[in-house]
Amino acid sequence: MPTYEYKCGACEHMFELEQRMTEKPVKKCPKCKKLKAERLISGGSRFVLKGGNWESDLYSGSSNKGGGDSAAPSSGGGGDD
């Protein structure tokens, strides 16, 4: 479930709630109990892969190291016919 950030327009209290995407935004502030809470737009959480065998990008894997000669030879002219 995603975590949403909220800020109360009355008391400026900031809080987070874990909610389903289908749930409506909360209006009531848990601190002052007024109906002034608004959902904030945030960048979201960062997805990080940790542990062995994970590469930072697709081009730095061990299968791509070795000089680029791993591709099949092309058959595009230049030979004796």
N, C-alpha and C. Protein backbone atom coordinates (compact mmCIF):
# COMPACT_ATOMS: atom_id res chain seq x y z
N MET A 1 0.84 -1.17 0.00
CA MET A 1 0.00 0.00 0.00
C MET A 1 0.89 1.24 0.00
N PRO A 2 0.52 2.23 -0.77
CA PRO A 2 1.32 3.46 -0.78
C PRO A 2 1.12 4.30 0.47
N THR A 3 2.12 5.09 0.79
CA THR A 3 2.06 6.01 1.91
C THR A 3 1.86 7.42 1.36
N TYR A 4 0.85 8.11 1.87
CA TYR A 4 0.54 9.46 1.42
C TYR A 4 0.88 10.46 2.51
N GLU A 5 1.36 11.63 2.09
CA GLU A 5 1.67 12.72 3.01
C GLU A 5 0.50 13.70 3.02
N TYR A 6 0.19 14.20 4.20
CA TYR A 6 -0.90 15.16 4.38
C TYR A 6 -0.39 16.35 5.17
N LYS A 7 -1.06 17.50 4.97
CA LYS A 7 -0.77 18.69 5.74
C LYS A 7 -2.09 19.37 6.09
N CYS A 8 -2.23 19.77 7.35
CA CYS A 8 -3.44 20.43 7.81
C CYS A 8 -3.33 21.92 7.49
N GLY A 9 -4.36 22.46 6.89
CA GLY A 9 -4.38 23.88 6.58
C GLY A 9 -4.66 24.75 7.80
N ALA A 10 -5.18 24.18 8.86
CA ALA A 10 -5.50 24.94 10.07
C ALA A 10 -4.31 25.03 11.02
N CYS A 11 -3.72 23.90 11.37
CA CYS A 11 -2.65 23.89 12.37
C CYS A 11 -1.26 23.60 11.79
N GLU A 12 -1.18 23.40 10.47
CA GLU A 12 0.09 23.13 9.76
C GLU A 12 0.72 21.80 10.15
N HIS A 13 -0.02 20.92 10.80
CA HIS A 13 0.50 19.61 11.19
C HIS A 13 0.69 18.75 9.94
N MET A 14 1.85 18.10 9.81
CA MET A 14 2.13 17.20 8.69
C MET A 14 2.13 15.77 9.21
N PHE A 15 1.50 14.87 8.44
CA PHE A 15 1.44 13.47 8.84
C PHE A 15 1.39 12.58 7.61
N GLU A 16 1.67 11.30 7.82
CA GLU A 16 1.64 10.31 6.75
C GLU A 16 0.61 9.24 7.07
N LEU A 17 -0.03 8.73 6.02
CA LEU A 17 -0.99 7.64 6.18
C LEU A 17 -0.75 6.61 5.10
N GLU A 18 -0.82 5.36 5.49
CA GLU A 18 -0.74 4.26 4.54
C GLU A 18 -2.17 3.93 4.12
N GLN A 19 -2.47 4.12 2.84
CA GLN A 19 -3.83 3.93 2.33
C GLN A 19 -3.81 3.17 1.02
N ARG A 20 -4.93 2.57 0.71
CA ARG A 20 -5.10 1.96 -0.61
C ARG A 20 -5.27 3.08 -1.63
N MET A 21 -4.90 2.79 -2.86
CA MET A 21 -5.03 3.79 -3.92
C MET A 21 -6.49 4.15 -4.19
N THR A 22 -7.39 3.24 -3.89
CA THR A 22 -8.81 3.46 -4.15
C THR A 22 -9.51 4.26 -3.04
N GLU A 23 -8.85 4.43 -1.90
CA GLU A 23 -9.45 5.17 -0.79
C GLU A 23 -9.43 6.67 -1.08
N LYS A 24 -10.46 7.35 -0.59
CA LYS A 24 -10.54 8.80 -0.74
C LYS A 24 -9.56 9.47 0.22
N PRO A 25 -9.05 10.65 -0.16
CA PRO A 25 -8.14 11.37 0.73
C PRO A 25 -8.81 11.74 2.06
N VAL A 26 -8.02 11.74 3.12
CA VAL A 26 -8.50 12.08 4.45
C VAL A 26 -8.70 13.59 4.53
N LYS A 27 -9.72 14.02 5.21
CA LYS A 27 -9.99 15.45 5.39
C LYS A 27 -9.75 15.90 6.82
N LYS A 28 -9.87 14.99 7.79
CA LYS A 28 -9.80 15.34 9.21
C LYS A 28 -8.37 15.23 9.73
N CYS A 29 -7.87 16.29 10.32
CA CYS A 29 -6.53 16.31 10.91
C CYS A 29 -6.54 15.52 12.22
N PRO A 30 -5.57 14.62 12.42
CA PRO A 30 -5.55 13.84 13.66
C PRO A 30 -5.13 14.67 14.88
N LYS A 31 -4.54 15.84 14.66
CA LYS A 31 -4.08 16.67 15.78
C LYS A 31 -5.16 17.65 16.26
N CYS A 32 -5.67 18.48 15.32
CA CYS A 32 -6.64 19.50 15.73
C CYS A 32 -8.09 19.11 15.44
N LYS A 33 -8.28 17.99 14.75
CA LYS A 33 -9.61 17.42 14.43
C LYS A 33 -10.44 18.28 13.48
N LYS A 34 -9.83 19.27 12.83
CA LYS A 34 -10.56 20.09 11.86
C LYS A 34 -10.50 19.43 10.49
N LEU A 35 -11.45 19.75 9.65
CA LEU A 35 -11.54 19.16 8.30
C LEU A 35 -10.75 19.97 7.29
N LYS A 36 -9.47 20.18 7.58
CA LYS A 36 -8.62 21.00 6.73
C LYS A 36 -7.41 20.25 6.18
N ALA A 37 -7.35 18.94 6.34
CA ALA A 37 -6.20 18.17 5.87
C ALA A 37 -6.26 18.02 4.35
N GLU A 38 -5.11 18.14 3.71
CA GLU A 38 -4.99 17.98 2.26
C GLU A 38 -3.84 17.05 1.94
N ARG A 39 -4.05 16.22 0.92
CA ARG A 39 -3.00 15.30 0.48
C ARG A 39 -1.96 16.09 -0.31
N LEU A 40 -0.70 15.86 0.00
CA LEU A 40 0.39 16.53 -0.69
C LEU A 40 0.89 15.68 -1.85
N ILE A 41 1.45 16.34 -2.83
CA ILE A 41 2.09 15.64 -3.94
C ILE A 41 3.55 15.48 -3.58
N SER A 42 4.03 14.26 -3.58
CA SER A 42 5.43 14.01 -3.22
C SER A 42 6.07 13.11 -4.25
N GLY A 43 7.38 12.97 -4.14
CA GLY A 43 8.13 12.16 -5.09
C GLY A 43 7.98 10.67 -4.89
N GLY A 44 7.44 10.26 -3.79
CA GLY A 44 7.30 8.83 -3.52
C GLY A 44 8.57 8.23 -3.00
N SER A 45 8.51 6.96 -2.71
CA SER A 45 9.69 6.28 -2.18
C SER A 45 10.63 5.90 -3.30
N ARG A 46 11.87 5.74 -2.97
CA ARG A 46 12.89 5.38 -3.95
C ARG A 46 13.03 3.87 -3.96
N PHE A 47 13.01 3.29 -5.14
CA PHE A 47 13.14 1.85 -5.31
C PHE A 47 14.62 1.51 -5.46
N VAL A 48 15.16 0.74 -4.52
CA VAL A 48 16.58 0.39 -4.53
C VAL A 48 16.73 -1.11 -4.46
N LEU A 49 17.54 -1.66 -5.34
CA LEU A 49 17.84 -3.08 -5.33
C LEU A 49 19.14 -3.28 -4.56
N LYS A 50 19.09 -4.12 -3.54
CA LYS A 50 20.28 -4.37 -2.73
C LYS A 50 20.61 -5.85 -2.79
N GLY A 51 21.88 -6.14 -2.60
CA GLY A 51 22.32 -7.53 -2.61
C GLY A 51 23.19 -7.82 -3.81
N GLY A 52 23.59 -9.07 -3.93
CA GLY A 52 24.46 -9.45 -5.02
C GLY A 52 23.73 -9.62 -6.34
N ASN A 53 24.46 -9.54 -7.41
CA ASN A 53 24.00 -9.77 -8.78
C ASN A 53 23.04 -8.71 -9.30
N TRP A 54 22.93 -7.55 -8.67
CA TRP A 54 22.12 -6.46 -9.19
C TRP A 54 23.07 -5.40 -9.74
N GLU A 55 22.80 -4.92 -10.91
CA GLU A 55 23.62 -3.89 -11.54
C GLU A 55 22.86 -2.57 -11.55
N SER A 56 23.59 -1.47 -11.58
CA SER A 56 22.94 -0.17 -11.56
C SER A 56 22.28 0.17 -12.89
N ASP A 57 22.74 -0.42 -13.99
CA ASP A 57 22.08 -0.22 -15.27
C ASP A 57 22.26 -1.48 -16.12
N LEU A 58 21.61 -1.52 -17.24
CA LEU A 58 21.62 -2.73 -18.07
C LEU A 58 22.92 -2.92 -18.83
N TYR A 59 23.75 -1.89 -18.92
CA TYR A 59 24.95 -1.96 -19.73
C TYR A 59 26.19 -2.36 -18.96
N SER A 60 26.10 -2.46 -17.64
CA SER A 60 27.30 -2.76 -16.86
C SER A 60 27.35 -4.21 -16.39
N GLY A 61 26.48 -5.05 -16.92
CA GLY A 61 26.46 -6.44 -16.51
C GLY A 61 27.67 -7.19 -17.01
N SER A 62 27.98 -8.31 -16.39
CA SER A 62 29.17 -9.08 -16.75
C SER A 62 29.05 -9.66 -18.16
N SER A 63 27.82 -9.87 -18.66
CA SER A 63 27.66 -10.42 -20.01
C SER A 63 28.00 -9.40 -21.08
N ASN A 64 28.03 -8.12 -20.74
CA ASN A 64 28.34 -7.08 -21.71
C ASN A 64 29.79 -6.65 -21.65
N LYS A 65 30.57 -7.23 -20.77
CA LYS A 65 31.99 -6.87 -20.67
C LYS A 65 32.79 -7.78 -21.59
N GLY A 66 33.85 -7.25 -22.18
CA GLY A 66 34.69 -8.09 -23.00
C GLY A 66 34.98 -7.49 -24.37
N GLY A 67 34.71 -6.23 -24.59
CA GLY A 67 35.17 -5.59 -25.80
C GLY A 67 34.15 -5.51 -26.91
N GLY A 68 32.99 -6.05 -26.77
CA GLY A 68 31.96 -5.89 -27.78
C GLY A 68 32.06 -6.88 -28.92
N ASP A 69 32.92 -7.89 -28.86
CA ASP A 69 33.06 -8.88 -29.92
C ASP A 69 32.10 -10.04 -29.74
N SER A 70 31.16 -9.94 -28.81
CA SER A 70 30.26 -11.06 -28.53
C SER A 70 29.12 -11.14 -29.53
N ALA A 71 28.96 -10.12 -30.37
CA ALA A 71 27.88 -10.14 -31.36
C ALA A 71 28.23 -11.08 -32.50
N ALA A 72 27.23 -11.64 -33.12
CA ALA A 72 27.43 -12.56 -34.23
C ALA A 72 28.02 -11.79 -35.40
N PRO A 73 28.92 -12.42 -36.18
CA PRO A 73 29.52 -11.72 -37.32
C PRO A 73 28.46 -11.43 -38.36
N SER A 74 28.59 -10.26 -38.96
CA SER A 74 27.62 -9.86 -39.97
C SER A 74 27.99 -10.47 -41.31
N SER A 75 26.97 -10.74 -42.11
CA SER A 75 27.21 -11.30 -43.44
C SER A 75 26.80 -10.28 -44.48
N GLY A 76 27.45 -9.15 -44.47
CA GLY A 76 27.04 -8.06 -45.34
C GLY A 76 28.09 -7.67 -46.35
N GLY A 77 28.44 -8.51 -47.28
CA GLY A 77 29.32 -8.12 -48.39
C GLY A 77 30.79 -8.10 -48.01
N GLY A 78 31.63 -7.81 -49.01
CA GLY A 78 33.05 -7.69 -48.76
C GLY A 78 33.78 -9.00 -48.87
N GLY A 79 33.13 -10.07 -49.35
CA GLY A 79 33.78 -11.37 -49.44
C GLY A 79 34.03 -11.76 -50.89
N ASP A 80 34.68 -12.88 -51.11
CA ASP A 80 34.94 -13.38 -52.45
C ASP A 80 33.72 -14.13 -52.94
N ASP A 81 33.16 -13.71 -54.06
CA ASP A 81 31.99 -14.38 -54.62
C ASP A 81 32.36 -15.25 -55.75
